[in-house]
PDB file of N, CA and C in Angstrom:
ATOM      1  N   MET A   1      23.202  -2.742  27.401  1.00  0.00           N
ATOM      2  CA  MET A   1      23.597  -3.889  27.407  1.00  0.00           C
ATOM      3  C   MET A   1      23.256  -5.094  26.767  1.00  0.00           C
ATOM      4  N   THR A   2      23.343  -6.211  26.983  1.00  0.00           N
ATOM      5  CA  THR A   2      23.782  -6.899  26.620  1.00  0.00           C
ATOM      6  C   THR A   2      22.825  -8.315  26.017  1.00  0.00           C
ATOM      7  N   HIS A   3      23.483  -9.337  25.226  1.00  0.00           N
ATOM      8  CA  HIS A   3      22.033  -9.855  24.221  1.00  0.00           C
ATOM      9  C   HIS A   3      23.074 -11.619  24.034  1.00  0.00           C
ATOM     10  N   PRO A   4      22.252 -12.214  24.208  1.00  0.00           N
ATOM     11  CA  PRO A   4      23.032 -13.492  24.412  1.00  0.00           C
ATOM     12  C   PRO A   4      23.589 -13.770  22.826  1.00  0.00           C
ATOM     13  N   LEU A   5      24.686 -14.179  22.596  1.00  0.00           N
ATOM     14  CA  LEU A   5      25.754 -14.521  21.739  1.00  0.00           C
ATOM     15  C   LEU A   5      24.857 -15.219  20.664  1.00  0.00           C
ATOM     16  N   GLY A   6      24.783 -14.296  19.458  1.00  0.00           N
ATOM     17  CA  GLY A   6      23.419 -15.089  17.845  1.00  0.00           C
ATOM     18  C   GLY A   6      22.392 -13.866  18.103  1.00  0.00           C
ATOM     19  N   THR A   7      21.332 -13.680  19.067  1.00  0.00           N
ATOM     20  CA  THR A   7      20.663 -12.841  19.146  1.00  0.00           C
ATOM     21  C   THR A   7      21.119 -11.506  18.432  1.00  0.00           C
ATOM     22  N   ARG A   8      19.826 -10.449  18.309  1.00  0.00           N
ATOM     23  CA  ARG A   8      20.004  -9.474  17.330  1.00  0.00           C
ATOM     24  C   ARG A   8      18.704  -8.390  19.211  1.00  0.00           C
ATOM     25  N   PRO A   9      19.551  -7.774  18.991  1.00  0.00           N
ATOM     26  CA  PRO A   9      17.958  -6.137  19.747  1.00  0.00           C
ATOM     27  C   PRO A   9      16.506  -6.579  18.823  1.00  0.00           C
ATOM     28  N   ALA A  10      15.805  -6.230  19.983  1.00  0.00           N
ATOM     29  CA  ALA A  10      14.606  -6.160  18.826  1.00  0.00           C
ATOM     30  C   ALA A  10      14.491  -4.646  17.931  1.00  0.00           C
ATOM     31  N   LEU A  11      14.257  -4.893  16.738  1.00  0.00           N
ATOM     32  CA  LEU A  11      14.529  -3.488  16.365  1.00  0.00           C
ATOM     33  C   LEU A  11      12.640  -2.434  16.518  1.00  0.00           C
ATOM     34  N   ARG A  12      13.358  -1.186  17.172  1.00  0.00           N
ATOM     35  CA  ARG A  12      12.313  -0.336  17.307  1.00  0.00           C
ATOM     36  C   ARG A  12      12.490   0.424  16.281  1.00  0.00           C
ATOM     37  N   ARG A  13      11.254   1.150  15.811  1.00  0.00           N
ATOM     38  CA  ARG A  13      10.555   1.734  14.521  1.00  0.00           C
ATOM     39  C   ARG A  13      10.816   3.484  15.331  1.00  0.00           C
ATOM     40  N   THR A  14      10.892   4.503  14.874  1.00  0.00           N
ATOM     41  CA  THR A  14      10.838   5.488  14.771  1.00  0.00           C
ATOM     42  C   THR A  14       8.948   5.890  14.454  1.00  0.00           C
ATOM     43  N   PRO A  15       8.201   6.804  14.848  1.00  0.00           N
ATOM     44  CA  PRO A  15       7.003   6.703  14.029  1.00  0.00           C
ATOM     45  C   PRO A  15       7.135   8.123  12.975  1.00  0.00           C
ATOM     46  N   LEU A  16       6.674   8.063  12.156  1.00  0.00           N
ATOM     47  CA  LEU A  16       6.931   9.421  11.081  1.00  0.00           C
ATOM     48  C   LEU A  16       6.074  10.368  11.536  1.00  0.00           C
ATOM     49  N   ASP A  17       6.714  11.170  11.611  1.00  0.00           N
ATOM     50  CA  ASP A  17       5.367  12.920  11.782  1.00  0.00           C
ATOM     51  C   ASP A  17       4.779  13.444  11.159  1.00  0.00           C
ATOM     52  N   ALA A  18       4.006  13.828  11.725  1.00  0.00           N
ATOM     53  CA  ALA A  18       2.912  14.645  10.480  1.00  0.00           C
ATOM     54  C   ALA A  18       3.510  14.350   9.067  1.00  0.00           C
ATOM     55  N   GLU A  19       4.247  16.035   9.523  1.00  0.00           N
ATOM     56  CA  GLU A  19       5.614  16.384   8.529  1.00  0.00           C
ATOM     57  C   GLU A  19       5.633  15.692   7.652  1.00  0.00           C
ATOM     58  N   GLU A  20       6.517  14.492   8.203  1.00  0.00           N
ATOM     59  CA  GLU A  20       7.442  13.299   7.518  1.00  0.00           C
ATOM     60  C   GLU A  20       6.013  12.451   6.691  1.00  0.00           C
ATOM     61  N   LYS A  21       4.949  11.807   7.076  1.00  0.00           N
ATOM     62  CA  LYS A  21       3.729  11.448   6.648  1.00  0.00           C
ATOM     63  C   LYS A  21       3.698  12.351   5.455  1.00  0.00           C
ATOM     64  N   ALA A  22       3.822  13.047   5.402  1.00  0.00           N
ATOM     65  CA  ALA A  22       2.742  14.244   3.716  1.00  0.00           C
ATOM     66  C   ALA A  22       3.952  14.389   2.767  1.00  0.00           C
ATOM     67  N   ARG A  23       5.230  14.470   3.682  1.00  0.00           N
ATOM     68  CA  ARG A  23       6.398  14.603   2.047  1.00  0.00           C
ATOM     69  C   ARG A  23       6.792  13.181   1.786  1.00  0.00           C
ATOM     70  N   ALA A  24       6.790  11.405   2.437  1.00  0.00           N
ATOM     71  CA  ALA A  24       6.464  10.706   1.916  1.00  0.00           C
ATOM     72  C   ALA A  24       5.543  10.377   0.640  1.00  0.00           C
ATOM     73  N   GLU A  25       4.374  11.158   1.341  1.00  0.00           N
ATOM     74  CA  GLU A  25       2.435  10.715  -0.044  1.00  0.00           C
ATOM     75  C   GLU A  25       2.839  10.761  -0.902  1.00  0.00           C
ATOM     76  N   VAL A  26       3.980  12.370  -0.875  1.00  0.00           N
ATOM     77  CA  VAL A  26       3.757  13.394  -2.363  1.00  0.00           C
ATOM     78  C   VAL A  26       4.786  13.005  -3.165  1.00  0.00           C
ATOM     79  N   SER A  27       5.723  11.979  -2.232  1.00  0.00           N
ATOM     80  CA  SER A  27       7.175  11.753  -2.844  1.00  0.00           C
ATOM     81  C   SER A  27       7.364  10.750  -3.687  1.00  0.00           C
ATOM     82  N   PHE A  28       6.315   9.926  -3.100  1.00  0.00           N
ATOM     83  CA  PHE A  28       6.190   8.177  -3.233  1.00  0.00           C
ATOM     84  C   PHE A  28       5.304   8.134  -5.081  1.00  0.00           C
ATOM     85  N   ALA A  29       4.108   9.257  -4.407  1.00  0.00           N
ATOM     86  CA  ALA A  29       3.136   9.141  -5.572  1.00  0.00           C
ATOM     87  C   ALA A  29       3.326   9.102  -7.434  1.00  0.00           C
ATOM     88  N   PRO A  30       4.512   9.732  -7.290  1.00  0.00           N
ATOM     89  CA  PRO A  30       4.916   9.637  -8.778  1.00  0.00           C
ATOM     90  C   PRO A  30       5.389   8.620  -8.935  1.00  0.00           C
ATOM     91  N   TYR A  31       6.047   7.915  -8.769  1.00  0.00           N
ATOM     92  CA  TYR A  31       7.118   7.012  -8.812  1.00  0.00           C
ATOM     93  C   TYR A  31       5.602   5.883  -8.419  1.00  0.00           C
ATOM     94  N   VAL A  32       4.990   5.630  -8.039  1.00  0.00           N
ATOM     95  CA  VAL A  32       3.469   4.196  -8.445  1.00  0.00           C
ATOM     96  C   VAL A  32       3.332   4.651  -8.573  1.00  0.00           C
ATOM     97  N   ALA A  33       2.669   5.821  -9.588  1.00  0.00           N
ATOM     98  CA  ALA A  33       1.919   6.874 -10.836  1.00  0.00           C
ATOM     99  C   ALA A  33       2.685   5.467 -11.860  1.00  0.00           C
ATOM    100  N   GLN A  34       3.873   6.032 -11.614  1.00  0.00           N
ATOM    101  CA  GLN A  34       5.302   5.836 -13.353  1.00  0.00           C
ATOM    102  C   GLN A  34       5.191   3.712 -12.990  1.00  0.00           C
ATOM    103  N   GLU A  35       4.904   3.596 -12.140  1.00  0.00           N
ATOM    104  CA  GLU A  35       5.265   2.113 -12.102  1.00  0.00           C
ATOM    105  C   GLU A  35       3.866   1.723 -12.695  1.00  0.00           C
ATOM    106  N   LEU A  36       2.777   2.120 -11.703  1.00  0.00           N
ATOM    107  CA  LEU A  36       1.434   1.096 -12.499  1.00  0.00           C
ATOM    108  C   LEU A  36       1.513   1.804 -13.588  1.00  0.00           C
ATOM    109  N   ILE A  37       1.844   2.077 -14.520  1.00  0.00           N
ATOM    110  CA  ILE A  37       1.352   2.457 -15.836  1.00  0.00           C
ATOM    111  C   ILE A  37       2.786   1.771 -16.560  1.00  0.00           C
ATOM    112  N   ALA A  38       4.141   2.258 -16.202  1.00  0.00           N
ATOM    113  CA  ALA A  38       4.223   0.724 -16.161  1.00  0.00           C
ATOM    114  C   ALA A  38       4.133  -0.360 -16.309  1.00  0.00           C
ATOM    115  N   ASN A  39       3.565  -0.794 -15.534  1.00  0.00           N
ATOM    116  CA  ASN A  39       3.890  -2.594 -15.210  1.00  0.00           C
ATOM    117  C   ASN A  39       2.589  -2.839 -14.051  1.00  0.00           C
ATOM    118  N   GLY A  40       1.679  -1.971 -14.830  1.00  0.00           N
ATOM    119  CA  GLY A  40       0.008  -2.006 -13.409  1.00  0.00           C
ATOM    120  C   GLY A  40      -0.057  -2.087 -12.236  1.00  0.00           C
ATOM    121  N   ARG A  41       1.644  -2.996 -11.882  1.00  0.00           N
ATOM    122  CA  ARG A  41       1.318  -2.756 -10.358  1.00  0.00           C
ATOM    123  C   ARG A  41       2.462  -2.251  -9.845  1.00  0.00           C
ATOM    124  N   PHE A  42       2.066  -2.166  -8.112  1.00  0.00           N
ATOM    125  CA  PHE A  42       2.724  -1.730  -7.750  1.00  0.00           C
ATOM    126  C   PHE A  42       3.273  -2.401  -6.727  1.00  0.00           C
ATOM    127  N   ARG A  43       4.462  -2.799  -5.401  1.00  0.00           N
ATOM    128  CA  ARG A  43       4.366  -3.977  -4.536  1.00  0.00           C
ATOM    129  C   ARG A  43       5.393  -3.332  -3.527  1.00  0.00           C
ATOM    130  N   VAL A  44       5.228  -3.054  -2.443  1.00  0.00           N
ATOM    131  CA  VAL A  44       6.207  -2.492  -1.348  1.00  0.00           C
ATOM    132  C   VAL A  44       6.389  -3.784  -0.261  1.00  0.00           C
ATOM    133  N   SER A  45       7.014  -3.875   0.328  1.00  0.00           N
ATOM    134  CA  SER A  45       7.012  -4.193   1.942  1.00  0.00           C
ATOM    135  C   SER A  45       6.908  -3.187   2.330  1.00  0.00           C
ATOM    136  N   ALA A  46       5.649  -4.002   3.466  1.00  0.00           N
ATOM    137  CA  ALA A  46       4.490  -3.047   4.304  1.00  0.00           C
ATOM    138  C   ALA A  46       4.452  -4.048   5.086  1.00  0.00           C
ATOM    139  N   ASP A  47       4.876  -3.639   6.796  1.00  0.00           N
ATOM    140  CA  ASP A  47       4.650  -4.175   8.160  1.00  0.00           C
ATOM    141  C   ASP A  47       4.100  -3.847   8.903  1.00  0.00           C
ATOM    142  N   THR A  48       4.338  -3.282   8.900  1.00  0.00           N
ATOM    143  CA  THR A  48       3.348  -1.924  10.325  1.00  0.00           C
ATOM    144  C   THR A  48       2.082  -1.399   9.445  1.00  0.00           C
ATOM    145  N   PRO A  49       0.763  -0.960  10.266  1.00  0.00           N
ATOM    146  CA  PRO A  49      -0.117  -0.229  10.788  1.00  0.00           C
ATOM    147  C   PRO A  49       0.024   0.924   9.721  1.00  0.00           C
ATOM    148  N   GLU A  50       1.066   1.529  10.321  1.00  0.00           N
ATOM    149  CA  GLU A  50       2.101   2.758   9.890  1.00  0.00           C
ATOM    150  C   GLU A  50       2.218   2.416   7.885  1.00  0.00           C
ATOM    151  N   MET A  51       2.635   1.852   7.961  1.00  0.00           N
ATOM    152  CA  MET A  51       3.074   1.547   6.224  1.00  0.00           C
ATOM    153  C   MET A  51       2.001   1.348   5.151  1.00  0.00           C
ATOM    154  N   ILE A  52       1.497   0.685   6.233  1.00  0.00           N
ATOM    155  CA  ILE A  52      -0.025  -0.135   5.353  1.00  0.00           C
ATOM    156  C   ILE A  52      -0.880   1.053   5.072  1.00  0.00           C
ATOM    157  N   GLU A  53      -0.690   1.948   5.969  1.00  0.00           N
ATOM    158  CA  GLU A  53      -1.665   3.284   6.130  1.00  0.00           C
ATOM    159  C   GLU A  53      -1.099   4.194   5.008  1.00  0.00           C
ATOM    160  N   LEU A  54      -0.325   4.607   5.393  1.00  0.00           N
ATOM    161  CA  LEU A  54       0.713   4.816   4.402  1.00  0.00           C
ATOM    162  C   LEU A  54       0.786   5.296   1.836  1.00  0.00           C
ATOM    163  N   PHE A  55       1.171   4.139   2.343  1.00  0.00           N
ATOM    164  CA  PHE A  55       0.547   3.600   0.988  1.00  0.00           C
ATOM    165  C   PHE A  55      -0.351   4.039   0.282  1.00  0.00           C
ATOM    166  N   GLN A  56      -1.570   3.991   1.546  1.00  0.00           N
ATOM    167  CA  GLN A  56      -3.098   3.600   1.085  1.00  0.00           C
ATOM    168  C   GLN A  56      -3.225   4.884   0.945  1.00  0.00           C
ATOM    169  N   ALA A  57      -2.658   5.567   0.991  1.00  0.00           N
ATOM    170  CA  ALA A  57      -3.131   7.473   0.842  1.00  0.00           C
ATOM    171  C   ALA A  57      -2.060   7.756  -0.253  1.00  0.00           C
ATOM    172  N   VAL A  58      -1.019   7.031  -0.661  1.00  0.00           N
ATOM    173  CA  VAL A  58      -0.413   7.260  -1.907  1.00  0.00           C
ATOM    174  C   VAL A  58      -1.704   6.711  -2.717  1.00  0.00           C
ATOM    175  N   ALA A  59      -1.542   5.184  -3.129  1.00  0.00           N
ATOM    176  CA  ALA A  59      -2.610   5.027  -3.914  1.00  0.00           C
ATOM    177  C   ALA A  59      -3.653   5.386  -4.389  1.00  0.00           C
ATOM    178  N   HIS A  60      -4.505   6.158  -3.343  1.00  0.00           N
ATOM    179  CA  HIS A  60      -5.788   7.105  -3.189  1.00  0.00           C
ATOM    180  C   HIS A  60      -5.315   8.823  -3.736  1.00  0.00           C
ATOM    181  N   ARG A  61      -3.815   8.779  -3.497  1.00  0.00           N
ATOM    182  CA  ARG A  61      -2.922  10.477  -4.810  1.00  0.00           C
ATOM    183  C   ARG A  61      -3.074   9.915  -5.635  1.00  0.00           C
ATOM    184  N   VAL A  62      -2.085   8.767  -6.582  1.00  0.00           N
ATOM    185  CA  VAL A  62      -1.963   8.750  -7.677  1.00  0.00           C
ATOM    186  C   VAL A  62      -3.351   7.812  -8.288  1.00  0.00           C
ATOM    187  N   GLY A  63      -4.875   7.980  -7.735  1.00  0.00           N
ATOM    188  CA  GLY A  63      -5.702   7.257  -8.615  1.00  0.00           C
ATOM    189  C   GLY A  63      -6.165   8.632  -8.727  1.00  0.00           C
ATOM    190  N   GLU A  64      -5.993  10.136  -8.066  1.00  0.00           N
ATOM    191  CA  GLU A  64      -6.794  10.801  -8.078  1.00  0.00           C
ATOM    192  C   GLU A  64      -5.605  11.503  -9.002  1.00  0.00           C
ATOM    193  N   MET A  65      -4.791  11.701  -9.171  1.00  0.00           N
ATOM    194  CA  MET A  65      -3.373  12.338  -9.919  1.00  0.00           C
ATOM    195  C   MET A  65      -3.474  11.851 -11.785  1.00  0.00           C
ATOM    196  N   LEU A  66      -3.733  10.388 -12.007  1.00  0.00           N
ATOM    197  CA  LEU A  66      -4.338   9.759 -13.034  1.00  0.00           C
ATOM    198  C   LEU A  66      -5.482   9.166 -12.483  1.00  0.00           C
ATOM    199  N   GLN A  67      -6.685   9.533 -12.529  1.00  0.00           N
ATOM    200  CA  GLN A  67      -8.151   9.826 -12.970  1.00  0.00           C
ATOM    201  C   GLN A  67      -8.796   8.673 -13.222  1.00  0.00           C
ATOM    202  N   ARG A  68      -8.085   7.127 -12.369  1.00  0.00           N
ATOM    203  CA  ARG A  68      -8.648   5.923 -12.662  1.00  0.00           C
ATOM    204  C   ARG A  68      -8.489   5.536 -10.747  1.00  0.00           C
ATOM    205  N   PRO A  69      -9.643   4.708 -11.404  1.00  0.00           N
ATOM    206  CA  PRO A  69      -9.726   4.030  -9.671  1.00  0.00           C
ATOM    207  C   PRO A  69      -8.677   2.687  -9.466  1.00  0.00           C
ATOM    208  N   VAL A  70      -7.936   3.144  -7.832  1.00  0.00           N
ATOM    209  CA  VAL A  70      -6.911   2.363  -7.304  1.00  0.00           C
ATOM    210  C   VAL A  70      -7.417   2.329  -6.578  1.00  0.00           C
ATOM    211  N   VAL A  71      -6.082   0.616  -6.273  1.00  0.00           N
ATOM    212  CA  VAL A  71      -6.944   0.201  -4.660  1.00  0.00           C
ATOM    213  C   VAL A  71      -5.628  -0.513  -4.630  1.00  0.00           C
ATOM    214  N   SER A  72      -6.310  -1.021  -2.811  1.00  0.00           N
ATOM    215  CA  SER A  72      -4.502  -1.259  -2.512  1.00  0.00           C
ATOM    216  C   SER A  72      -4.985  -2.768  -1.615  1.00  0.00           C
ATOM    217  N   TYR A  73      -3.676  -4.193  -0.549  1.00  0.00           N
ATOM    218  CA  TYR A  73      -4.582  -4.875  -1.420  1.00  0.00           C
ATOM    219  C   TYR A  73      -3.479  -4.920   0.299  1.00  0.00           C
ATOM    220  N   ALA A  74      -2.961  -5.561   1.702  1.00  0.00           N
ATOM    221  CA  ALA A  74      -1.822  -5.713   2.254  1.00  0.00           C
ATOM    222  C   ALA A  74      -2.735  -6.966   2.889  1.00  0.00           C
ATOM    223  N   ASN A  75      -1.102  -7.942   3.807  1.00  0.00           N
ATOM    224  CA  ASN A  75      -1.191  -8.932   4.118  1.00  0.00           C
ATOM    225  C   ASN A  75      -0.047  -9.049   4.977  1.00  0.00           C
ATOM    226  N   GLY A  76       0.139  -8.146   5.770  1.00  0.00           N
ATOM    227  CA  GLY A  76       1.058  -7.550   6.594  1.00  0.00           C
ATOM    228  C   GLY A  76       1.685  -7.448   6.603  1.00  0.00           C
ATOM    229  N   ARG A  77       3.118  -8.559   5.138  1.00  0.00           N
ATOM    230  CA  ARG A  77       3.927  -8.175   4.437  1.00  0.00           C
ATOM    231  C   ARG A  77       3.984  -7.455   3.576  1.00  0.00           C
ATOM    232  N   TYR A  78       3.576  -7.426   3.081  1.00  0.00           N
ATOM    233  CA  TYR A  78       3.369  -6.361   1.481  1.00  0.00           C
ATOM    234  C   TYR A  78       2.362  -5.409   1.551  1.00  0.00           C
ATOM    235  N   ILE A  79       1.885  -4.833   1.178  1.00  0.00           N
ATOM    236  CA  ILE A  79       1.556  -4.263   0.115  1.00  0.00           C
ATOM    237  C   ILE A  79       1.468  -3.995  -1.411  1.00  0.00           C
ATOM    238  N   VAL A  80      -0.074  -4.382  -1.953  1.00  0.00           N
ATOM    239  CA  VAL A  80       0.410  -4.044  -3.569  1.00  0.00           C
ATOM    240  C   VAL A  80      -1.164  -3.472  -4.261  1.00  0.00           C
ATOM    241  N   ILE A  81      -1.010  -2.397  -5.428  1.00  0.00           N
ATOM    242  CA  ILE A  81      -1.276  -1.370  -5.581  1.00  0.00           C
ATOM    243  C   ILE A  81      -1.354  -1.060  -7.014  1.00  0.00           C
ATOM    244  N   THR A  82      -1.925  -1.193  -7.529  1.00  0.00           N
ATOM    245  CA  THR A  82      -3.328  -1.668  -8.698  1.00  0.00           C
ATOM    246  C   THR A  82      -4.104  -1.295  -9.669  1.00  0.00           C
ATOM    247  N   PHE A  83      -4.593  -0.803 -10.707  1.00  0.00           N
ATOM    248  CA  PHE A  83      -5.503  -0.209 -11.009  1.00  0.00           C
ATOM    249  C   PHE A  83      -7.359  -0.920 -10.850  1.00  0.00           C
ATOM    250  N   GLY A  84      -8.083  -0.588 -10.030  1.00  0.00           N
ATOM    251  CA  GLY A  84      -8.746  -1.573  -9.964  1.00  0.00           C
ATOM    252  C   GLY A  84      -9.944  -1.125 -11.070  1.00  0.00           C
ATOM    253  N   GLN A  85     -10.825  -1.985 -10.760  1.00  0.00           N
ATOM    254  CA  GLN A  85     -12.576  -1.548 -11.797  1.00  0.00           C
ATOM    255  C   GLN A  85     -12.921  -0.264 -12.462  1.00  0.00           C
ATOM    256  N   GLU A  86     -12.800  -0.328 -13.465  1.00  0.00           N
ATOM    257  CA  GLU A  86     -13.955   0.856 -13.900  1.00  0.00           C
ATOM    258  C   GLU A  86     -14.788   0.840 -14.235  1.00  0.00           C
ATOM    259  N   GLU A  87     -15.854  -0.191 -13.474  1.00  0.00           N
ATOM    260  CA  GLU A  87     -16.908  -0.617 -12.642  1.00  0.00           C
ATOM    261  C   GLU A  87     -17.654  -1.438 -12.227  1.00  0.00           C
ATOM    262  N   PRO A  88     -18.345  -1.592 -11.302  1.00  0.00           N
ATOM    263  CA  PRO A  88     -18.462  -2.778 -10.877  1.00  0.00           C
ATOM    264  C   PRO A  88     -18.965  -3.490 -11.400  1.00  0.00           C
ATOM    265  N   PRO A  89     -18.099  -4.997 -10.533  1.00  0.00           N
ATOM    266  CA  PRO A  89     -19.132  -5.516 -11.170  1.00  0.00           C
ATOM    267  C   PRO A  89     -20.838  -6.247 -11.129  1.00  0.00           C
ATOM    268  N   ALA A  90     -21.242  -6.551 -12.176  1.00  0.00           N
ATOM    269  CA  ALA A  90     -23.037  -7.132 -11.674  1.00  0.00           C
ATOM    270  C   ALA A  90     -23.225  -7.121 -10.950  1.00  0.00           C
ATOM    271  N   SER A  91     -22.416  -8.181  -9.830  1.00  0.00           N
ATOM    272  CA  SER A  91     -22.705  -9.373  -9.099  1.00  0.00           C
ATOM    273  C   SER A  91     -21.339 -10.261  -8.278  1.00  0.00           C
ATOM    274  N   LEU A  92     -21.486 -10.543  -7.984  1.00  0.00           N
ATOM    275  CA  LEU A  92     -20.733 -10.545  -6.498  1.00  0.00           C
ATOM    276  C   LEU A  92     -19.652 -11.640  -7.081  1.00  0.00           C
ATOM    277  N   ALA A  93     -20.763 -13.551  -7.930  1.00  0.00           N
ATOM    278  CA  ALA A  93     -20.071 -13.675  -8.820  1.00  0.00           C
ATOM    279  C   ALA A  93     -19.236 -13.595 -10.142  1.00  0.00           C
ATOM    280  N   GLU A  94     -19.648 -12.628 -10.312  1.00  0.00           N
ATOM    281  CA  GLU A  94     -17.960 -11.854 -11.666  1.00  0.00           C
ATOM    282  C   GLU A  94     -17.040 -11.497 -11.402  1.00  0.00           C
ATOM    283  N   ALA A  95     -16.568 -11.047  -9.341  1.00  0.00           N
ATOM    284  CA  ALA A  95     -15.756 -10.668  -9.198  1.00  0.00           C
ATOM    285  C   ALA A  95     -14.912 -11.571  -8.486  1.00  0.00           C
ATOM    286  N   PRO A  96     -12.860 -10.841  -8.487  1.00  0.00           N
ATOM    287  CA  PRO A  96     -12.070 -11.596  -8.164  1.00  0.00           C
ATOM    288  C   PRO A  96     -12.377 -12.006  -7.206  1.00  0.00           C
ATOM    289  N   ALA A  97     -12.286 -13.375  -6.752  1.00  0.00           N
ATOM    290  CA  ALA A  97     -12.263 -13.800  -5.170  1.00  0.00           C
ATOM    291  C   ALA A  97     -11.447 -13.356  -4.283  1.00  0.00           C
ATOM    292  N   GLN A  98     -11.160 -12.887  -3.699  1.00  0.00           N
ATOM    293  CA  GLN A  98     -10.213 -12.740  -2.249  1.00  0.00           C
ATOM    294  C   GLN A  98      -9.899 -13.543  -1.139  1.00  0.00           C
ATOM    295  N   HIS A  99      -8.431 -14.111  -1.173  1.00  0.00           N
ATOM    296  CA  HIS A  99      -7.590 -14.181  -0.742  1.00  0.00           C
ATOM    297  C   HIS A  99      -8.426 -14.297   1.104  1.00  0.00           C
ATOM    298  N   GLY A 100      -8.299 -15.442   2.048  1.00  0.00           N
ATOM    299  CA  GLY A 100      -8.930 -14.580   2.761  1.00  0.00           C
ATOM    300  C   GLY A 100      -7.518 -14.010   4.215  1.00  0.00           C
ATOM    301  N   SER A 101      -6.554 -13.571   3.364  1.00  0.00           N
ATOM    302  CA  SER A 101      -5.473 -12.965   4.260  1.00  0.00           C
ATOM    303  C   SER A 101      -4.844 -11.580   3.942  1.00  0.00           C
ATOM    304  N   ASP A 102      -5.415 -11.571   2.911  1.00  0.00           N
ATOM    305  CA  ASP A 102      -5.471 -10.185   1.930  1.00  0.00           C
ATOM    306  C   ASP A 102      -6.480  -9.285   2.474  1.00  0.00           C
ATOM    307  N   ARG A 103      -6.144  -8.050   3.177  1.00  0.00           N
ATOM    308  CA  ARG A 103      -7.220  -7.695   3.320  1.00  0.00           C
ATOM    309  C   ARG A 103      -7.577  -6.475   1.844  1.00  0.00           C
ATOM    310  N   GLN A 104      -8.582  -6.199   1.559  1.00  0.00           N
ATOM    311  CA  GLN A 104      -9.064  -4.938   0.543  1.00  0.00           C
ATOM    312  C   GLN A 104      -8.966  -3.966   0.986  1.00  0.00           C
ATOM    313  N   ALA A 105      -8.339  -2.571   0.475  1.00  0.00           N
ATOM    314  CA  ALA A 105      -8.517  -0.827   1.144  1.00  0.00           C
ATOM    315  C   ALA A 105      -8.883  -0.353  -0.492  1.00  0.00           C
ATOM    316  N   SER A 106      -9.749  -0.053  -0.569  1.00  0.00           N
ATOM    317  CA  SER A 106     -10.145   1.200  -1.230  1.00  0.00           C
ATOM    318  C   SER A 106      -9.171   2.267  -0.938  1.00  0.00           C
ATOM    319  N   SER A 107      -8.414   2.842  -2.247  1.00  0.00           N
ATOM    320  CA  SER A 107      -7.804   3.968  -1.946  1.00  0.00           C
ATOM    321  C   SER A 107      -8.658   5.242  -1.403  1.00  0.00           C
ATOM    322  N   ARG A 108      -9.900   4.769  -0.417  1.00  0.00           N
ATOM    323  CA  ARG A 108     -10.821   5.705   0.108  1.00  0.00           C
ATOM    324  C   ARG A 108     -11.694   6.513  -0.506  1.00  0.00           C
TER     325      ARG A 108
END
């Protein structure tokens, strides 16, 4: 198939199968936990629903590993995993503002 000069064919991603997802979750969790402990957050490119779902599962696993609340925020380009609040705020006025383009996803 030919493409006009200067253009590239559309990227076609092969979805991960169930075993690959499970291995990725187990493999990424220790690395993400280490980054959270060292830096307080972990950011990675996650521009597909599949990658967002994968890293939300990783965030959940990290929360269980560290026995601390962990949350993830995705905006369609990146996902940020960070520590959540130990206790929920007493009122919404005390909660940090959410940007309209960010989507908060609890780590399940």
